[in-house]
N, C-alpha and C. Protein backbone atom coordinates (compact mmCIF):
# COMPACT_ATOMS: atom_id res chain seq x y z
N MET A 1 16.02 -7.24 15.47
CA MET A 1 15.16 -6.69 14.11
C MET A 1 16.15 -5.47 13.23
N ALA A 2 15.60 -5.64 12.04
CA ALA A 2 16.46 -4.65 11.40
C ALA A 2 16.20 -3.47 11.42
N GLU A 3 17.31 -2.41 10.66
CA GLU A 3 17.12 -1.06 10.54
C GLU A 3 16.23 -1.03 9.24
N CYS A 4 15.47 0.25 9.01
CA CYS A 4 14.85 0.06 8.04
C CYS A 4 14.84 1.80 7.42
N LEU A 5 14.81 1.90 6.23
CA LEU A 5 14.61 3.48 5.89
C LEU A 5 13.06 3.55 5.16
N ILE A 6 12.55 4.63 5.46
CA ILE A 6 11.20 4.84 5.18
C ILE A 6 11.37 5.75 3.92
N TYR A 7 10.91 5.02 2.60
CA TYR A 7 10.84 6.16 1.38
C TYR A 7 9.56 6.88 1.46
N GLY A 8 9.89 8.20 1.61
CA GLY A 8 8.68 9.02 1.43
C GLY A 8 8.74 9.97 2.76
N ALA A 9 8.23 11.08 2.82
CA ALA A 9 8.23 12.01 3.91
C ALA A 9 7.13 12.86 4.25
N GLY A 10 6.05 12.26 3.91
CA GLY A 10 4.55 13.09 4.18
C GLY A 10 4.08 12.27 5.29
N GLY A 11 2.63 12.46 5.63
CA GLY A 11 1.83 12.33 6.56
C GLY A 11 1.94 10.47 6.89
N PHE A 12 1.67 10.07 5.63
CA PHE A 12 1.84 8.29 5.67
C PHE A 12 3.10 7.84 5.91
N ALA A 13 4.20 8.46 5.72
CA ALA A 13 5.42 8.04 5.94
C ALA A 13 5.69 8.16 7.39
N ARG A 14 5.16 9.17 8.00
CA ARG A 14 5.32 9.21 9.76
C ARG A 14 4.60 8.29 10.25
N GLU A 15 3.30 7.90 9.75
CA GLU A 15 2.70 6.57 9.93
C GLU A 15 3.51 5.33 9.97
N VAL A 16 4.13 4.86 8.75
CA VAL A 16 4.98 3.92 8.43
C VAL A 16 6.04 4.06 9.61
N ALA A 17 6.56 4.92 9.81
CA ALA A 17 7.75 4.76 11.01
C ALA A 17 7.32 4.28 12.02
N TRP A 18 5.88 4.79 12.64
CA TRP A 18 5.52 4.20 13.64
C TRP A 18 5.08 2.76 13.69
N LEU A 19 4.56 2.43 12.52
CA LEU A 19 4.44 1.00 12.13
C LEU A 19 5.64 0.05 12.31
N ALA A 20 6.69 0.73 11.81
CA ALA A 20 8.17 -0.10 11.55
C ALA A 20 8.43 -0.32 13.29
N GLU A 21 8.27 0.71 14.16
CA GLU A 21 8.90 0.77 15.56
C GLU A 21 7.89 -0.30 16.03
N SER A 22 6.72 -0.40 15.84
CA SER A 22 5.56 -1.25 16.41
C SER A 22 6.02 -2.84 16.10
N CYS A 23 6.43 -2.86 14.88
CA CYS A 23 6.99 -4.12 14.39
C CYS A 23 8.45 -4.69 14.83
N GLY A 24 8.97 -3.57 15.70
CA GLY A 24 10.41 -4.11 16.24
C GLY A 24 11.44 -3.81 15.63
N HIS A 25 11.20 -2.69 14.61
CA HIS A 25 12.44 -2.31 13.78
C HIS A 25 12.92 -1.12 14.31
N THR A 26 14.20 -0.53 13.70
CA THR A 26 14.71 0.61 14.33
C THR A 26 14.76 1.51 12.90
N VAL A 27 14.23 2.84 12.71
CA VAL A 27 13.99 3.81 11.63
C VAL A 27 15.22 4.33 11.53
N ALA A 28 15.71 4.16 10.55
CA ALA A 28 17.14 5.07 10.30
C ALA A 28 17.12 6.45 9.74
N ALA A 29 16.27 6.53 9.08
CA ALA A 29 16.00 7.80 8.36
C ALA A 29 14.81 7.92 7.28
N PHE A 30 14.33 8.95 6.74
CA PHE A 30 13.28 8.97 5.56
C PHE A 30 14.06 9.40 4.51
N ILE A 31 13.42 8.97 3.28
CA ILE A 31 14.13 9.42 2.10
C ILE A 31 13.21 10.32 1.47
N ASP A 32 13.52 11.33 0.91
CA ASP A 32 12.72 12.37 0.39
C ASP A 32 13.66 12.72 -1.08
N ASP A 33 12.93 12.72 -2.04
CA ASP A 33 13.35 13.09 -3.45
C ASP A 33 13.25 14.53 -3.68
N ALA A 34 12.35 15.28 -3.06
CA ALA A 34 11.95 16.50 -3.37
C ALA A 34 13.09 17.34 -3.29
N PRO A 35 13.13 18.62 -4.02
CA PRO A 35 14.40 19.41 -4.13
C PRO A 35 14.38 19.79 -2.83
N ASN A 36 15.40 20.03 -2.31
CA ASN A 36 15.65 20.79 -0.73
C ASN A 36 14.77 19.98 0.06
N GLY A 37 14.58 18.61 0.13
CA GLY A 37 13.79 17.75 1.07
C GLY A 37 14.57 17.26 1.93
N SER A 38 16.08 17.08 1.94
CA SER A 38 17.06 16.71 2.69
C SER A 38 17.24 17.74 3.87
N GLY A 39 17.98 16.99 4.91
CA GLY A 39 18.79 18.06 5.81
C GLY A 39 17.82 18.53 6.91
N ARG A 40 16.68 17.83 7.07
CA ARG A 40 15.81 18.41 7.98
C ARG A 40 15.55 17.17 8.78
N LEU A 41 14.97 17.34 10.06
CA LEU A 41 14.25 16.19 10.83
C LEU A 41 12.61 16.04 11.00
N ILE A 42 12.40 14.76 10.70
CA ILE A 42 10.80 14.42 11.07
C ILE A 42 10.85 13.55 12.26
N ASN A 43 9.85 14.01 13.23
CA ASN A 43 9.66 13.15 14.46
C ASN A 43 11.37 12.62 15.03
N GLY A 44 12.25 13.57 14.90
CA GLY A 44 13.55 13.31 15.28
C GLY A 44 14.60 12.44 14.19
N PHE A 45 13.91 11.81 13.20
CA PHE A 45 14.58 11.16 12.15
C PHE A 45 15.39 12.00 11.28
N PRO A 46 16.18 11.79 10.70
CA PRO A 46 16.90 12.66 9.45
C PRO A 46 16.20 12.26 8.24
N VAL A 47 16.11 13.47 7.50
CA VAL A 47 15.69 13.30 5.99
C VAL A 47 16.81 13.39 5.08
N MET A 48 17.02 12.66 4.14
CA MET A 48 18.11 12.71 3.18
C MET A 48 17.60 12.09 1.98
N THR A 49 18.62 12.09 0.85
CA THR A 49 18.23 11.74 -0.55
C THR A 49 18.51 10.30 -0.59
N LEU A 50 18.20 9.60 -1.76
CA LEU A 50 18.45 8.25 -2.05
C LEU A 50 20.04 8.03 -2.14
N ALA A 51 20.51 8.93 -2.67
CA ALA A 51 22.00 8.72 -2.67
C ALA A 51 22.73 8.96 -1.26
N GLU A 52 22.28 9.71 -0.52
CA GLU A 52 22.81 9.86 0.89
C GLU A 52 22.60 8.58 1.63
N ALA A 53 21.26 8.28 1.41
CA ALA A 53 20.98 6.92 2.28
C ALA A 53 21.81 5.85 1.84
N GLN A 54 22.12 5.86 0.43
CA GLN A 54 22.87 4.58 -0.01
C GLN A 54 24.27 4.51 0.41
N GLY A 55 24.54 5.85 0.79
CA GLY A 55 26.02 5.91 1.28
C GLY A 55 26.37 5.58 2.76
N ARG A 56 25.14 5.98 3.46
CA ARG A 56 25.18 5.81 5.06
C ARG A 56 24.71 4.62 5.34
N PHE A 57 23.74 4.02 4.63
CA PHE A 57 22.79 2.94 5.33
C PHE A 57 22.86 1.91 4.29
N PRO A 58 23.88 1.51 3.55
CA PRO A 58 23.47 0.64 2.54
C PRO A 58 23.01 -1.06 2.87
N GLY A 59 23.18 -1.30 3.96
CA GLY A 59 22.39 -2.57 4.38
C GLY A 59 20.86 -2.37 5.09
N CYS A 60 20.40 -1.33 5.00
CA CYS A 60 19.00 -1.06 5.20
C CYS A 60 18.06 -1.69 4.54
N LEU A 61 17.06 -2.17 4.90
CA LEU A 61 15.73 -2.36 4.22
C LEU A 61 15.02 -0.98 3.90
N VAL A 62 14.19 -1.10 2.67
CA VAL A 62 13.58 0.02 2.52
C VAL A 62 12.16 -0.18 2.37
N VAL A 63 11.20 0.62 2.88
CA VAL A 63 9.88 0.40 2.94
C VAL A 63 9.06 1.46 2.09
N GLY A 64 8.33 1.21 1.24
CA GLY A 64 7.70 2.27 0.52
C GLY A 64 6.39 2.92 1.16
N ALA A 65 6.46 4.28 1.31
CA ALA A 65 5.46 5.01 2.47
C ALA A 65 4.69 6.17 1.68
N ILE A 66 4.59 5.94 0.26
CA ILE A 66 3.84 6.90 -0.47
C ILE A 66 2.59 6.35 -1.14
N GLY A 67 1.60 7.22 -0.72
CA GLY A 67 0.02 6.65 -1.24
C GLY A 67 -0.01 6.39 -2.57
N SER A 68 0.37 7.43 -3.42
CA SER A 68 0.05 7.23 -4.89
C SER A 68 0.82 5.83 -5.66
N PRO A 69 -0.02 4.79 -6.10
CA PRO A 69 0.68 3.85 -6.61
C PRO A 69 1.79 3.68 -7.50
N VAL A 70 1.39 4.86 -8.44
CA VAL A 70 2.34 5.45 -9.51
C VAL A 70 3.72 5.77 -8.87
N ALA A 71 3.64 6.71 -8.02
CA ALA A 71 4.83 7.43 -7.48
C ALA A 71 5.45 6.28 -6.71
N ARG A 72 5.01 5.34 -5.95
CA ARG A 72 5.30 4.19 -5.23
C ARG A 72 6.15 3.26 -5.97
N GLU A 73 5.41 2.93 -6.92
CA GLU A 73 6.16 2.28 -8.07
C GLU A 73 7.67 2.84 -8.59
N GLN A 74 7.37 4.05 -8.64
CA GLN A 74 8.63 4.98 -9.18
C GLN A 74 9.73 4.79 -8.25
N THR A 75 9.31 5.04 -7.11
CA THR A 75 10.32 5.15 -6.02
C THR A 75 11.14 3.87 -5.59
N MET A 76 10.32 2.82 -5.64
CA MET A 76 10.56 1.43 -5.17
C MET A 76 11.63 0.93 -6.38
N LYS A 77 11.39 1.26 -7.68
CA LYS A 77 12.43 0.99 -8.82
C LYS A 77 13.53 1.67 -8.60
N ARG A 78 13.73 2.92 -8.04
CA ARG A 78 14.85 3.53 -7.82
C ARG A 78 15.71 2.81 -6.73
N ALA A 79 15.08 2.82 -5.52
CA ALA A 79 15.35 2.09 -4.37
C ALA A 79 16.06 0.67 -4.90
N ALA A 80 15.65 -0.34 -5.63
CA ALA A 80 16.09 -1.46 -6.10
C ALA A 80 17.36 -1.36 -7.01
N ALA A 81 17.29 -0.21 -7.79
CA ALA A 81 18.45 -0.04 -8.64
C ALA A 81 19.72 0.55 -7.89
N ALA A 82 19.25 1.05 -6.73
CA ALA A 82 20.40 1.41 -5.73
C ALA A 82 21.03 0.29 -4.85
N GLY A 83 20.46 -0.92 -5.03
CA GLY A 83 20.73 -2.12 -4.31
C GLY A 83 20.13 -2.42 -3.11
N PHE A 84 19.01 -1.59 -2.62
CA PHE A 84 18.39 -2.07 -1.30
C PHE A 84 17.30 -3.15 -1.24
N GLN A 85 17.42 -3.82 -0.42
CA GLN A 85 16.45 -4.97 -0.27
C GLN A 85 15.14 -4.25 0.32
N MET A 86 13.80 -4.87 0.01
CA MET A 86 12.68 -4.49 0.25
C MET A 86 12.18 -4.79 1.64
N GLY A 87 11.88 -4.07 2.64
CA GLY A 87 11.17 -4.36 3.80
C GLY A 87 9.57 -4.71 3.90
N GLU A 88 9.03 -5.53 4.50
CA GLU A 88 7.82 -5.69 4.65
C GLU A 88 7.34 -5.51 6.29
N LEU A 89 6.11 -4.80 6.39
CA LEU A 89 5.69 -4.35 7.53
C LEU A 89 4.35 -4.81 7.81
N ILE A 90 4.12 -5.57 9.07
CA ILE A 90 2.74 -6.18 9.26
C ILE A 90 2.54 -6.25 10.68
N HIS A 91 1.51 -5.20 10.90
CA HIS A 91 1.34 -4.74 12.60
C HIS A 91 1.08 -5.87 13.21
N PRO A 92 1.43 -5.95 14.53
CA PRO A 92 1.23 -7.27 15.24
C PRO A 92 -0.31 -7.12 15.52
N ARG A 93 -1.20 -6.19 15.51
CA ARG A 93 -2.36 -6.12 15.74
C ARG A 93 -3.46 -6.65 14.33
N VAL A 94 -2.65 -6.86 13.44
CA VAL A 94 -3.34 -7.29 12.36
C VAL A 94 -3.82 -8.92 12.15
N GLU A 95 -5.05 -9.19 12.17
CA GLU A 95 -5.61 -10.52 12.30
C GLU A 95 -5.55 -11.29 10.94
N ARG A 96 -4.71 -12.53 10.92
CA ARG A 96 -4.55 -13.01 9.28
C ARG A 96 -4.52 -14.61 9.63
N SER A 97 -4.99 -15.21 8.70
CA SER A 97 -4.72 -16.82 8.48
C SER A 97 -3.56 -16.92 7.84
N ARG A 98 -3.07 -18.32 8.05
CA ARG A 98 -1.64 -18.66 7.60
C ARG A 98 -2.08 -18.95 5.94
N TRP A 99 -2.95 -18.84 5.35
CA TRP A 99 -3.41 -19.17 3.90
C TRP A 99 -3.31 -17.80 3.14
N ILE A 100 -2.19 -17.02 3.49
CA ILE A 100 -2.06 -15.78 2.65
C ILE A 100 -0.57 -15.59 2.31
N HIS A 101 -0.44 -15.21 0.89
CA HIS A 101 0.80 -14.76 0.32
C HIS A 101 1.12 -13.66 0.25
N PHE A 102 2.07 -13.16 0.80
CA PHE A 102 2.53 -11.70 0.89
C PHE A 102 3.69 -11.34 0.20
N GLY A 103 3.63 -10.40 -0.99
CA GLY A 103 4.57 -10.06 -1.82
C GLY A 103 5.73 -9.30 -1.16
N PRO A 104 6.92 -8.99 -1.60
CA PRO A 104 7.95 -8.11 -0.95
C PRO A 104 7.49 -6.64 -0.87
N GLY A 105 7.78 -6.11 0.29
CA GLY A 105 7.33 -4.68 0.50
C GLY A 105 5.87 -4.20 0.90
N ALA A 106 5.14 -5.42 1.37
CA ALA A 106 3.57 -5.16 1.60
C ALA A 106 3.74 -4.32 2.99
N VAL A 107 2.99 -3.47 3.14
CA VAL A 107 2.79 -2.71 4.28
C VAL A 107 1.14 -2.95 4.78
N ILE A 108 0.93 -3.47 6.00
CA ILE A 108 -0.25 -3.52 6.42
C ILE A 108 -0.43 -3.15 7.73
N CYS A 109 -1.24 -2.15 8.05
CA CYS A 109 -1.51 -1.49 8.94
C CYS A 109 -2.63 -1.93 10.40
N ALA A 110 -2.46 -1.43 11.47
CA ALA A 110 -2.99 -2.06 12.60
C ALA A 110 -4.51 -1.86 12.52
N GLY A 111 -4.99 -3.09 13.01
CA GLY A 111 -6.71 -3.22 12.95
C GLY A 111 -7.10 -3.98 11.90
N SER A 112 -6.29 -4.17 10.75
CA SER A 112 -6.88 -4.82 9.47
C SER A 112 -7.08 -6.49 9.89
N ILE A 113 -7.97 -7.03 9.13
CA ILE A 113 -8.17 -8.29 9.24
C ILE A 113 -8.23 -8.97 7.78
N LEU A 114 -7.52 -9.88 7.55
CA LEU A 114 -7.18 -10.71 6.38
C LEU A 114 -7.74 -11.95 6.51
N THR A 115 -8.75 -12.70 5.77
CA THR A 115 -8.99 -13.94 6.38
C THR A 115 -8.35 -15.01 5.55
N THR A 116 -8.52 -15.57 4.21
CA THR A 116 -7.80 -16.73 3.93
C THR A 116 -7.98 -16.87 2.36
N ASN A 117 -6.75 -17.57 2.13
CA ASN A 117 -6.72 -17.66 0.60
C ASN A 117 -6.74 -16.52 -0.23
N ILE A 118 -5.77 -15.37 0.25
CA ILE A 118 -5.63 -14.02 -0.23
C ILE A 118 -4.21 -14.24 -0.81
N SER A 119 -3.73 -13.58 -1.84
CA SER A 119 -2.69 -13.08 -2.48
C SER A 119 -2.38 -11.72 -2.68
N ILE A 120 -1.36 -11.44 -2.10
CA ILE A 120 -0.84 -9.76 -1.87
C ILE A 120 0.44 -9.65 -2.47
N GLY A 121 0.36 -8.63 -3.75
CA GLY A 121 1.44 -8.64 -4.40
C GLY A 121 2.47 -7.68 -3.88
N ALA A 122 3.51 -7.28 -4.48
CA ALA A 122 4.58 -6.50 -4.05
C ALA A 122 4.01 -5.09 -3.89
N HIS A 123 4.60 -4.55 -2.66
CA HIS A 123 4.25 -2.96 -2.49
C HIS A 123 2.75 -2.87 -2.23
N VAL A 124 1.97 -3.81 -1.78
CA VAL A 124 0.74 -3.19 -1.65
C VAL A 124 0.77 -2.55 -0.26
N GLN A 125 -0.25 -1.76 -0.03
CA GLN A 125 -0.57 -1.07 0.94
C GLN A 125 -2.03 -1.26 1.70
N ILE A 126 -1.99 -1.33 2.74
CA ILE A 126 -3.50 -1.93 3.47
C ILE A 126 -3.56 -1.15 4.55
N ASN A 127 -4.10 -0.05 4.60
CA ASN A 127 -3.97 0.96 5.63
C ASN A 127 -4.84 0.54 6.95
N LEU A 128 -5.09 1.45 7.85
CA LEU A 128 -5.72 1.00 9.26
C LEU A 128 -7.29 0.55 8.83
N ASP A 129 -7.37 -0.51 9.94
CA ASP A 129 -8.89 -1.23 10.08
C ASP A 129 -9.63 -1.43 8.73
N CYS A 130 -8.72 -1.83 7.46
CA CYS A 130 -9.17 -2.75 6.38
C CYS A 130 -9.81 -4.05 6.76
N THR A 131 -10.78 -4.81 5.87
CA THR A 131 -11.05 -6.27 5.82
C THR A 131 -10.79 -6.52 4.55
N VAL A 132 -10.01 -7.76 4.48
CA VAL A 132 -10.22 -8.39 3.11
C VAL A 132 -10.62 -9.81 2.85
N GLY A 133 -11.59 -10.47 2.29
CA GLY A 133 -12.15 -11.53 2.40
C GLY A 133 -11.52 -12.64 1.55
N HIS A 134 -12.04 -13.72 1.67
CA HIS A 134 -11.48 -14.91 1.10
C HIS A 134 -11.26 -14.59 -0.29
N ASP A 135 -10.34 -15.33 -0.88
CA ASP A 135 -9.85 -15.62 -2.38
C ASP A 135 -9.80 -14.21 -3.20
N VAL A 136 -9.30 -13.34 -2.29
CA VAL A 136 -9.02 -11.80 -2.99
C VAL A 136 -7.52 -11.82 -3.57
N LEU A 137 -7.24 -11.46 -4.64
CA LEU A 137 -6.02 -11.18 -5.35
C LEU A 137 -5.74 -9.79 -5.44
N MET A 138 -4.54 -9.43 -4.89
CA MET A 138 -4.24 -8.01 -5.15
C MET A 138 -2.91 -7.81 -5.85
N ASP A 139 -2.79 -7.49 -6.83
CA ASP A 139 -1.59 -7.13 -7.87
C ASP A 139 -0.61 -6.20 -7.30
N ASP A 140 0.35 -6.10 -7.85
CA ASP A 140 1.31 -5.31 -7.07
C ASP A 140 0.92 -3.60 -7.19
N PHE A 141 1.54 -3.19 -5.91
CA PHE A 141 1.02 -1.63 -5.96
C PHE A 141 -0.41 -1.42 -5.68
N VAL A 142 -1.33 -2.18 -5.20
CA VAL A 142 -2.64 -1.88 -4.91
C VAL A 142 -2.66 -1.05 -3.51
N THR A 143 -3.51 -0.29 -3.22
CA THR A 143 -3.71 0.26 -1.97
C THR A 143 -4.95 0.50 -1.56
N LEU A 144 -5.29 0.18 -0.48
CA LEU A 144 -6.59 0.22 0.24
C LEU A 144 -6.47 1.59 1.47
N ALA A 145 -7.13 2.38 1.35
CA ALA A 145 -7.23 3.66 2.37
C ALA A 145 -7.82 3.18 3.47
N PRO A 146 -7.61 3.99 4.55
CA PRO A 146 -8.10 3.07 5.60
C PRO A 146 -9.65 3.02 5.88
N GLY A 147 -10.10 1.83 6.40
CA GLY A 147 -11.24 1.48 6.61
C GLY A 147 -11.99 0.68 5.13
N ALA A 148 -11.20 0.63 4.30
CA ALA A 148 -11.88 -0.19 3.13
C ALA A 148 -12.19 -1.42 3.24
N HIS A 149 -13.15 -2.13 2.72
CA HIS A 149 -13.53 -3.09 2.98
C HIS A 149 -13.74 -4.05 1.80
N ILE A 150 -13.07 -5.12 1.42
CA ILE A 150 -13.10 -6.17 0.11
C ILE A 150 -13.51 -7.31 0.54
N SER A 151 -14.43 -7.62 -0.19
CA SER A 151 -15.20 -8.90 0.07
C SER A 151 -14.45 -10.08 -0.90
N GLY A 152 -15.11 -11.26 -0.52
CA GLY A 152 -14.34 -12.43 -1.13
C GLY A 152 -14.67 -12.60 -2.49
N TRP A 153 -13.81 -13.06 -3.28
CA TRP A 153 -13.58 -13.20 -4.80
C TRP A 153 -13.57 -11.93 -5.48
N VAL A 154 -12.64 -11.26 -5.16
CA VAL A 154 -12.21 -9.89 -5.72
C VAL A 154 -10.80 -9.93 -6.22
N HIS A 155 -10.78 -9.28 -7.52
CA HIS A 155 -9.32 -9.13 -8.12
C HIS A 155 -8.89 -7.66 -8.20
N LEU A 156 -7.91 -7.09 -7.46
CA LEU A 156 -7.72 -5.75 -7.77
C LEU A 156 -6.41 -5.92 -8.39
N ALA A 157 -6.25 -5.40 -9.69
CA ALA A 157 -5.15 -5.21 -10.71
C ALA A 157 -4.29 -4.12 -10.40
N LYS A 158 -3.17 -4.16 -10.66
CA LYS A 158 -1.82 -3.51 -10.53
C LYS A 158 -2.24 -2.17 -10.45
N GLY A 159 -1.80 -1.24 -9.18
CA GLY A 159 -2.24 -0.16 -8.88
C GLY A 159 -3.48 0.45 -8.64
N ALA A 160 -4.40 -0.36 -8.55
CA ALA A 160 -5.71 -0.11 -8.12
C ALA A 160 -5.75 0.69 -6.94
N TYR A 161 -6.36 1.54 -6.33
CA TYR A 161 -6.54 2.40 -5.50
C TYR A 161 -8.19 2.34 -4.84
N VAL A 162 -8.33 2.16 -3.40
CA VAL A 162 -9.82 2.06 -3.08
C VAL A 162 -9.84 3.02 -2.04
N GLY A 163 -10.67 3.86 -1.83
CA GLY A 163 -10.47 5.18 -1.18
C GLY A 163 -11.19 4.88 0.31
N THR A 164 -10.92 5.68 1.30
CA THR A 164 -11.30 5.56 2.64
C THR A 164 -12.67 5.12 2.68
N GLY A 165 -13.05 4.18 3.48
CA GLY A 165 -14.22 3.52 3.59
C GLY A 165 -15.23 3.08 2.39
N ALA A 166 -14.60 2.85 1.51
CA ALA A 166 -15.17 2.21 0.17
C ALA A 166 -15.28 0.49 0.55
N VAL A 167 -16.07 0.10 -0.32
CA VAL A 167 -16.54 -1.35 0.00
C VAL A 167 -16.57 -1.77 -1.62
N VAL A 168 -16.24 -2.91 -1.49
CA VAL A 168 -16.40 -3.91 -2.70
C VAL A 168 -17.09 -5.07 -2.05
N ILE A 169 -18.28 -5.20 -2.81
CA ILE A 169 -18.97 -6.40 -2.49
C ILE A 169 -18.56 -7.79 -3.19
N ASN A 170 -19.16 -8.64 -2.67
CA ASN A 170 -18.33 -10.12 -3.13
C ASN A 170 -18.76 -10.55 -4.41
N GLY A 171 -17.74 -11.33 -5.20
CA GLY A 171 -18.07 -11.76 -6.65
C GLY A 171 -18.34 -13.38 -6.30
N THR A 172 -17.76 -14.22 -7.31
CA THR A 172 -18.12 -15.53 -7.41
C THR A 172 -16.76 -16.09 -8.05
N ALA A 173 -16.65 -17.25 -7.54
CA ALA A 173 -15.39 -18.23 -7.93
C ALA A 173 -15.59 -18.03 -9.53
N ALA A 174 -16.73 -18.22 -10.10
CA ALA A 174 -16.80 -18.37 -11.66
C ALA A 174 -17.03 -16.90 -12.26
N ASN A 175 -17.06 -15.96 -11.15
CA ASN A 175 -17.34 -14.54 -11.89
C ASN A 175 -16.67 -13.49 -10.69
N PRO A 176 -15.53 -13.25 -10.48
CA PRO A 176 -14.97 -12.46 -9.83
C PRO A 176 -15.06 -11.06 -9.97
N ILE A 177 -15.54 -10.13 -9.24
CA ILE A 177 -15.47 -8.63 -9.25
C ILE A 177 -13.84 -8.41 -9.70
N PHE A 178 -13.80 -7.49 -10.65
CA PHE A 178 -12.51 -7.18 -11.01
C PHE A 178 -12.50 -5.64 -11.25
N ILE A 179 -11.40 -5.20 -10.43
CA ILE A 179 -10.81 -3.68 -10.45
C ILE A 179 -9.89 -3.49 -11.06
N GLY A 180 -10.03 -2.62 -12.32
CA GLY A 180 -8.88 -2.86 -13.42
C GLY A 180 -7.64 -1.90 -12.84
N GLU A 181 -6.69 -2.04 -13.69
CA GLU A 181 -5.26 -1.49 -13.21
C GLU A 181 -5.55 0.06 -13.25
N GLY A 182 -4.88 0.77 -12.34
CA GLY A 182 -5.01 2.13 -12.22
C GLY A 182 -6.50 2.33 -11.97
N ALA A 183 -7.21 1.52 -11.73
CA ALA A 183 -8.85 2.30 -11.35
C ALA A 183 -8.74 3.00 -10.00
N VAL A 184 -9.69 3.52 -9.60
CA VAL A 184 -9.83 4.42 -8.45
C VAL A 184 -11.28 4.39 -7.91
N VAL A 185 -11.42 3.73 -6.69
CA VAL A 185 -12.79 3.69 -6.07
C VAL A 185 -12.65 4.94 -5.12
N GLY A 186 -13.65 5.66 -5.33
CA GLY A 186 -13.88 6.98 -4.47
C GLY A 186 -14.27 6.70 -2.84
N ALA A 187 -13.68 7.51 -2.07
CA ALA A 187 -14.21 7.30 -0.55
C ALA A 187 -15.50 7.11 -0.36
N GLY A 188 -15.87 6.14 0.22
CA GLY A 188 -17.50 6.07 0.61
C GLY A 188 -18.16 5.09 -0.38
N ALA A 189 -17.57 4.70 -1.63
CA ALA A 189 -18.00 4.33 -2.65
C ALA A 189 -18.38 2.75 -2.18
N CYS A 190 -19.63 2.31 -3.04
CA CYS A 190 -19.89 0.85 -2.85
C CYS A 190 -19.74 0.12 -4.15
N VAL A 191 -18.90 -0.56 -4.34
CA VAL A 191 -18.73 -1.33 -6.06
C VAL A 191 -19.45 -2.81 -6.09
N VAL A 192 -20.40 -2.50 -7.15
CA VAL A 192 -21.34 -3.71 -7.03
C VAL A 192 -20.98 -4.68 -8.37
N LYS A 193 -20.16 -4.07 -9.28
CA LYS A 193 -19.43 -4.70 -10.36
C LYS A 193 -18.25 -4.33 -10.84
N SER A 194 -17.59 -4.96 -11.82
CA SER A 194 -16.38 -4.81 -12.30
C SER A 194 -15.90 -3.50 -12.68
N VAL A 195 -14.88 -2.80 -12.15
CA VAL A 195 -14.64 -1.53 -12.81
C VAL A 195 -13.37 -1.60 -13.82
N GLU A 196 -13.54 -0.80 -14.82
CA GLU A 196 -12.63 -0.92 -15.98
C GLU A 196 -11.31 -0.25 -15.53
N THR A 197 -10.36 -0.81 -16.52
CA THR A 197 -9.00 0.01 -16.24
C THR A 197 -8.93 1.45 -16.40
N GLY A 198 -8.37 2.25 -15.45
CA GLY A 198 -8.03 3.54 -15.53
C GLY A 198 -9.34 4.29 -15.15
N THR A 199 -10.37 3.60 -14.88
CA THR A 199 -11.55 4.37 -14.37
C THR A 199 -11.53 4.58 -12.98
N THR A 200 -12.48 5.86 -12.83
CA THR A 200 -12.71 6.30 -11.42
C THR A 200 -14.14 6.41 -11.28
N VAL A 201 -14.59 5.40 -9.89
CA VAL A 201 -15.89 5.28 -9.74
C VAL A 201 -16.21 5.98 -8.52
N VAL A 202 -17.44 6.53 -8.37
CA VAL A 202 -17.76 6.96 -6.92
C VAL A 202 -19.44 6.63 -6.62
N GLY A 203 -19.80 6.90 -5.47
CA GLY A 203 -21.14 6.91 -5.27
C GLY A 203 -21.70 5.63 -4.65
N VAL A 204 -22.92 5.39 -4.44
CA VAL A 204 -23.79 4.19 -3.86
C VAL A 204 -24.97 4.13 -4.50
N PRO A 205 -24.82 3.05 -5.41
CA PRO A 205 -23.85 2.26 -6.15
C PRO A 205 -22.89 3.05 -6.90
N ALA A 206 -21.48 2.40 -6.82
CA ALA A 206 -20.33 3.09 -7.48
C ALA A 206 -20.54 3.37 -8.99
N LYS A 207 -20.56 4.44 -9.62
CA LYS A 207 -20.88 4.72 -11.12
C LYS A 207 -19.28 5.46 -11.56
N ALA A 208 -19.01 5.18 -12.78
CA ALA A 208 -17.84 5.90 -13.38
C ALA A 208 -18.03 7.19 -13.68
N ILE A 209 -17.18 8.20 -13.26
CA ILE A 209 -16.98 9.53 -13.50
C ILE A 209 -16.90 9.81 -14.99
N PRO A 210 -17.70 10.37 -15.65
CA PRO A 210 -17.37 10.87 -17.27
C PRO A 210 -16.04 11.48 -17.42
N SER A 211 -15.52 10.69 -18.39
CA SER A 211 -14.14 11.40 -18.71
C SER A 211 -14.22 12.71 -19.36
N ARG A 212 -13.51 13.79 -19.11
CA ARG A 212 -13.19 14.88 -19.71
C ARG A 212 -12.56 14.97 -21.23
N GLN A 213 -13.06 15.32 -22.13
CA GLN A 213 -12.51 15.20 -23.59
C GLN A 213 -11.59 16.81 -23.72
């Protein structure tokens, strides 16, 4: 298996490093863009800037390990511009059918179940113990927090974020439930209808938070 670099240095990055080792990869280092972020160790692995990683590990795969879809997109663009190839991590304890398309850089954590005819875009993150039903479409940089459950015939647009323990009920082939680009579904919410672009919804049933003027 290949060496990989974990882009990020927070709690989820440590979890992704564990995931990488569970998938048989060797972790070379963490990448941290924060000022004074490099030059330390996290769980025994060095932390370095992107430029340092480019110089020391030019052939490594890079895996995005930042929870924010916006920040993850920015960092993955920087990694691609530096010439890195994107790594995909799917834990051995993920249950999945063969009728699933995975985009580059997908991260699928232990205990998740993905059924059939699912399309997963680039750099999608599916955290621990999530379920994804039939005919779900996830665009690039979608994030499912731990224990999120997406029923069949749901389309999550680019950068949508579904919080811990949230549920999206099923749509239909003629009328799928749509979670708009950059929308946020709060932890524990139950989505029963489509969510507009950039909207945050919370509660059971999920309702939009009024915007502040």
